[in-house]
Amino acid sequence: MKVKFRIKGLDCANCAAELERAIQKVEGISEASISFITEKLIIECKEQEKEEIIDKIRKVIKKVESDVKIEEL
């Protein structure tokens, strides 16, 4: 299933690319992409793992880009 998020607080496209690479490494995510221009993060994961994966993503974001916040759309 695809899950979409609004992503706030990214400073630049390089930061978005770095964060995207980190999120792609999270176990259970088959695909992840961040659009710096539209401030959106889209991930692909199994529905039953969604909440666990969102928690993992929040931890990765806090580690890589601590000022960034996400909210599910």
Protein backbone atom coordinates (compact mmCIF):
# COMPACT_ATOMS: atom_id res chain seq x y z
CA MET A 1 0.00 0.00 0.00
CA LYS A 2 1.10 3.56 -0.61
CA VAL A 3 1.15 5.99 2.30
CA LYS A 4 1.51 9.73 1.70
CA PHE A 5 2.86 12.33 4.11
CA ARG A 6 3.30 16.08 4.13
CA ILE A 7 6.90 16.78 5.11
CA LYS A 8 7.79 20.11 6.74
CA GLY A 9 11.09 21.69 7.62
CA LEU A 10 13.36 20.50 4.80
CA ASP A 11 15.98 23.14 4.05
CA CYS A 12 17.14 22.03 0.63
CA ALA A 13 16.92 19.39 -2.09
CA ASN A 14 20.17 17.79 -0.86
CA CYS A 15 18.62 17.33 2.58
CA ALA A 16 15.58 15.74 0.93
CA ALA A 17 17.77 13.34 -1.05
CA GLU A 18 19.78 12.36 2.03
CA LEU A 19 16.59 11.76 4.02
CA GLU A 20 15.06 9.76 1.17
CA ARG A 21 18.11 7.46 1.06
CA ALA A 22 17.90 6.92 4.83
CA ILE A 23 14.16 6.14 4.70
CA GLN A 24 14.66 3.68 1.82
CA LYS A 25 16.89 1.62 4.12
CA VAL A 26 14.10 1.12 6.71
CA GLU A 27 13.13 -2.55 6.85
CA GLY A 28 9.65 -3.14 5.46
CA ILE A 29 9.65 -0.24 3.00
CA SER A 30 9.69 -1.41 -0.60
CA GLU A 31 9.82 2.12 -2.04
CA ALA A 32 10.19 5.68 -0.72
CA SER A 33 10.37 9.04 -2.46
CA ILE A 34 10.51 12.63 -1.27
CA SER A 35 9.59 15.63 -3.36
CA PHE A 36 11.29 18.74 -1.99
CA ILE A 37 9.14 21.03 -4.18
CA THR A 38 5.75 19.61 -3.16
CA GLU A 39 6.87 18.72 0.40
CA LYS A 40 5.59 15.16 0.08
CA LEU A 41 6.92 11.79 1.17
CA ILE A 42 5.41 8.66 -0.36
CA ILE A 43 6.27 5.20 0.92
CA GLU A 44 5.20 1.73 -0.17
CA CYS A 45 4.78 -0.91 2.53
CA LYS A 46 2.58 -3.76 3.69
CA GLU A 47 -0.64 -2.54 5.30
CA GLN A 48 -0.20 -4.65 8.44
CA GLU A 49 3.25 -3.09 9.06
CA LYS A 50 2.20 0.52 8.47
CA GLU A 51 2.18 1.81 12.07
CA GLU A 52 5.48 0.14 12.94
CA ILE A 53 7.10 1.54 9.81
CA ILE A 54 5.81 5.06 10.51
CA ASP A 55 7.44 4.88 13.95
CA LYS A 56 10.72 3.78 12.33
CA ILE A 57 10.50 6.63 9.80
CA ARG A 58 10.01 9.18 12.58
CA LYS A 59 13.14 7.86 14.34
CA VAL A 60 15.17 8.03 11.10
CA ILE A 61 13.98 11.60 10.47
CA LYS A 62 14.89 12.65 14.02
CA LYS A 63 18.40 11.22 13.53
CA VAL A 64 19.04 12.55 9.99
CA GLU A 65 17.07 15.84 9.91
CA SER A 66 15.91 16.65 13.44
CA ASP A 67 13.89 19.75 12.44
CA VAL A 68 11.73 17.86 9.92
CA LYS A 69 8.16 16.84 10.81
CA ILE A 70 5.77 14.57 8.90
CA GLU A 71 2.02 14.21 8.98
CA GLU A 72 0.02 11.56 7.17
CA LEU A 73 -2.27 12.78 4.40
